[in-house]
Protein backbone atom coordinates (compact mmCIF):
# COMPACT_ATOMS: atom_id res chain seq x y z
CA MET A 1 -169.79 -32.73 16.14
CA ARG A 2 -172.26 -29.92 15.48
CA ALA A 3 -172.13 -27.20 12.87
CA ILE A 4 -174.09 -24.06 12.13
CA CYS A 5 -175.07 -23.57 8.51
CA CYS A 6 -177.46 -21.34 6.61
CA GLY A 7 -180.29 -23.04 4.59
CA ARG A 8 -183.45 -22.04 2.86
CA ARG A 9 -185.19 -21.53 6.20
CA GLY A 10 -182.40 -19.61 7.87
CA TRP A 11 -179.58 -20.72 10.22
CA ALA A 12 -179.75 -24.24 11.51
CA GLU A 13 -177.54 -26.38 13.70
CA VAL A 14 -176.76 -29.85 12.21
CA ASP A 15 -174.96 -32.89 13.33
CA LEU A 16 -171.72 -33.73 11.59
CA PRO A 17 -170.99 -37.44 12.08
CA GLY A 18 -167.26 -36.94 11.94
CA SER A 19 -165.49 -39.41 9.73
CA ALA A 20 -167.65 -42.52 9.50
CA ALA A 21 -166.30 -43.04 6.00
CA GLU A 22 -162.70 -42.74 7.31
CA ALA A 23 -163.56 -45.34 10.04
CA PHE A 24 -164.86 -47.65 7.35
CA ALA A 25 -161.73 -47.11 5.27
CA ALA A 26 -159.49 -47.90 8.29
CA GLN A 27 -160.97 -51.44 8.74
CA SER A 28 -158.62 -54.40 8.28
CA ASP A 29 -158.50 -56.44 5.12
CA ALA A 30 -160.00 -59.31 7.01
CA VAL A 31 -163.07 -57.22 7.83
CA LEU A 32 -163.37 -55.81 4.27
CA SER A 33 -163.25 -59.41 2.91
CA GLY A 34 -166.21 -60.36 5.04
CA SER A 35 -169.88 -60.16 4.14
CA PRO A 36 -169.97 -57.96 0.92
CA HIS A 37 -173.69 -57.16 1.03
CA ALA A 38 -173.45 -55.90 4.74
CA LEU A 39 -170.39 -53.94 4.00
CA ALA A 40 -171.89 -52.27 0.86
CA GLN A 41 -175.07 -51.45 2.77
CA ARG A 42 -173.13 -49.89 5.62
CA LEU A 43 -170.93 -47.81 3.33
CA LEU A 44 -173.94 -46.67 1.23
CA GLY A 45 -175.78 -45.83 4.50
CA ILE A 46 -172.80 -43.60 5.48
CA ALA A 47 -173.07 -41.62 2.23
CA GLU A 48 -176.86 -41.50 2.48
CA ALA A 49 -176.52 -40.00 5.99
CA THR A 50 -174.20 -37.38 4.51
CA LEU A 51 -176.77 -36.36 1.91
CA GLU A 52 -179.59 -36.45 4.43
CA ARG A 53 -177.68 -33.94 6.59
CA TRP A 54 -177.55 -31.61 3.63
CA LEU A 55 -181.28 -31.91 2.94
CA GLN A 56 -182.23 -31.51 6.59
CA ALA A 57 -179.97 -28.42 6.98
CA HIS A 58 -182.08 -26.88 4.16
CA GLY A 59 -185.44 -27.88 5.66
CA VAL A 60 -186.12 -30.66 3.12
CA PRO A 61 -187.27 -34.05 4.32
CA PRO A 62 -185.02 -36.70 2.79
CA THR A 63 -186.76 -39.05 0.38
CA THR A 64 -187.22 -42.70 1.02
CA ARG A 65 -187.37 -43.38 -2.74
CA THR A 66 -184.77 -44.98 -4.93
CA HIS A 67 -183.42 -44.04 -8.31
CA GLU A 68 -181.97 -46.76 -10.44
CA GLY A 69 -182.31 -49.01 -7.39
CA PHE A 70 -180.25 -46.79 -4.93
CA ARG A 71 -181.53 -44.39 -2.35
CA LEU A 72 -178.16 -42.56 -2.57
CA LEU A 73 -178.84 -41.59 -6.16
CA ALA A 74 -182.37 -40.48 -5.28
CA LEU A 75 -181.02 -38.28 -2.40
CA GLN A 76 -178.49 -36.73 -4.77
CA ARG A 77 -181.25 -35.91 -7.31
CA GLN A 78 -183.37 -34.42 -4.52
CA ALA A 79 -180.61 -32.24 -3.35
CA ALA A 80 -179.72 -30.97 -6.78
CA ARG A 81 -183.31 -29.80 -7.61
CA PRO A 82 -183.07 -26.50 -5.77
CA ASP A 83 -179.25 -26.22 -6.02
CA PRO A 84 -177.73 -26.98 -9.46
CA SER A 85 -174.25 -26.74 -8.12
CA PHE A 86 -175.08 -29.94 -6.09
CA ASN A 87 -174.74 -31.84 -9.36
CA ALA A 88 -170.93 -31.65 -8.67
CA CYS A 89 -171.29 -34.73 -6.46
CA ARG A 90 -173.51 -36.78 -8.91
CA GLU A 91 -170.63 -38.67 -10.43
CA SER A 92 -169.09 -39.32 -6.91
CA CYS A 93 -172.43 -40.90 -5.85
CA ARG A 94 -172.47 -43.08 -8.99
CA GLU A 95 -168.81 -44.02 -8.56
CA LEU A 96 -169.54 -45.02 -4.95
CA VAL A 97 -172.44 -47.25 -6.14
CA TYR A 98 -170.25 -48.74 -8.86
CA HIS A 99 -167.49 -49.75 -6.47
CA CYS A 100 -169.91 -51.22 -4.00
CA ASN A 101 -171.62 -53.14 -6.84
CA VAL A 102 -168.26 -54.54 -8.09
CA ALA A 103 -167.19 -55.44 -4.60
CA VAL A 104 -170.44 -57.33 -3.98
CA ALA A 105 -170.34 -59.17 -7.26
CA GLY A 106 -166.60 -59.98 -7.04
CA THR A 107 -165.37 -63.40 -5.88
CA ASP A 108 -161.68 -62.52 -5.34
CA PRO A 109 -161.16 -61.14 -1.95
CA GLY A 110 -158.29 -58.83 -3.00
CA THR A 111 -160.53 -57.22 -5.68
CA ARG A 112 -163.41 -56.87 -3.24
CA ILE A 113 -161.07 -55.15 -0.71
CA ARG A 114 -159.63 -52.73 -3.30
CA HIS A 115 -163.20 -51.74 -4.42
CA PHE A 116 -164.41 -51.22 -0.85
CA ARG A 117 -161.38 -49.06 -0.11
CA MET A 118 -162.02 -47.02 -3.24
CA ALA A 119 -165.75 -46.69 -2.40
CA ALA A 120 -164.66 -45.54 1.08
CA ALA A 121 -162.25 -42.90 -0.46
CA VAL A 122 -165.13 -41.69 -2.62
CA ALA A 123 -167.44 -41.51 0.45
CA ILE A 124 -164.82 -39.40 2.31
CA HIS A 125 -164.66 -37.07 -0.70
CA LEU A 126 -168.48 -36.90 -0.71
CA GLN A 127 -168.42 -35.99 3.02
CA LEU A 128 -165.80 -33.34 2.59
CA PHE A 129 -167.69 -31.80 -0.40
CA ILE A 130 -171.08 -31.69 1.37
CA ASP A 131 -169.56 -30.41 4.69
CA GLY A 132 -167.83 -27.73 2.63
CA LYS A 133 -171.08 -26.76 1.01
CA LEU A 134 -172.71 -26.49 4.45
CA GLU A 135 -170.03 -23.93 5.22
CA ASN A 136 -169.89 -22.18 1.81
CA ALA A 137 -172.96 -22.60 -0.42
CA ARG A 138 -171.05 -21.47 -3.45
CA LEU A 139 -168.68 -24.54 -3.38
CA GLY A 140 -169.29 -26.57 -6.56
CA GLU A 141 -170.51 -23.77 -8.77
CA PHE A 142 -167.64 -24.44 -11.14
CA CYS A 143 -169.27 -27.61 -12.45
CA CYS A 144 -170.86 -28.00 -15.88
CA ALA A 145 -174.34 -27.91 -14.40
CA SER A 146 -173.73 -24.30 -13.41
CA ARG A 147 -172.59 -23.24 -16.86
CA PRO A 148 -175.57 -20.86 -17.26
CA LEU A 149 -174.59 -19.12 -14.04
CA ARG A 150 -171.03 -18.61 -15.14
CA ALA A 151 -172.13 -17.52 -18.61
CA ALA A 152 -174.39 -14.83 -17.18
CA ASP A 153 -171.46 -13.63 -15.09
CA ALA A 154 -169.10 -13.49 -18.11
CA ALA A 155 -171.69 -11.89 -20.43
CA VAL A 156 -170.52 -8.55 -22.10
CA PRO A 157 -172.76 -5.70 -20.90
CA SER A 158 -174.80 -4.12 -23.69
CA GLY A 159 -172.94 -1.23 -25.26
CA ALA A 160 -169.51 -2.52 -24.09
CA GLU A 161 -166.93 -3.58 -26.74
CA GLU A 162 -165.69 -7.06 -26.79
CA THR A 163 -161.96 -7.39 -27.17
C-alpha cells in the first residue's frame, strides 16, 4: 500500500507495509514457541521498518546505530529530535523491547507466547500511531514532551484578566 504524506521536504509517496505486526500476532502458538531469538529479531525488524518509514517520509536517512543495545530505540530518538510530539511512542518502543527480552529469556513456552503476543500488540499500536502521524502531523501533541507547546497555547495574553 502507498500513502502520500507531507514531510520537511514537501509531499512524498511512501510505502505502507500493511499489517506485518498483525500477521506476526496471528501466528500459531506452535510458531511463537519456536526460536525466540529469531522471532524477537523479526518483530523488532517490523517495528524498525515502521520508524524507518517515518524518517524516510521526512527526508531523514534512518540511523544504523543502536541506543541501549537496540536500533529501535535509536530510531525513535532520531525521529523525536525534530518532532517532540514523536516522544509519544517512546514508551511503546521500550515496551516492545521489554516483551521481546522477556520472551527470549523465558524458558516456559506459555510465558514466551504471551510476551510475543503482547509485543506484537504493541507493534500494531506503534504502526497505527506512526501511520496516523503520517496523515496528521499533530497526532501525539498531547504528550508530556509537548507541554511547552500546550502551555504557550494556554497562556493568558498580556493585558487580559485571568479568571
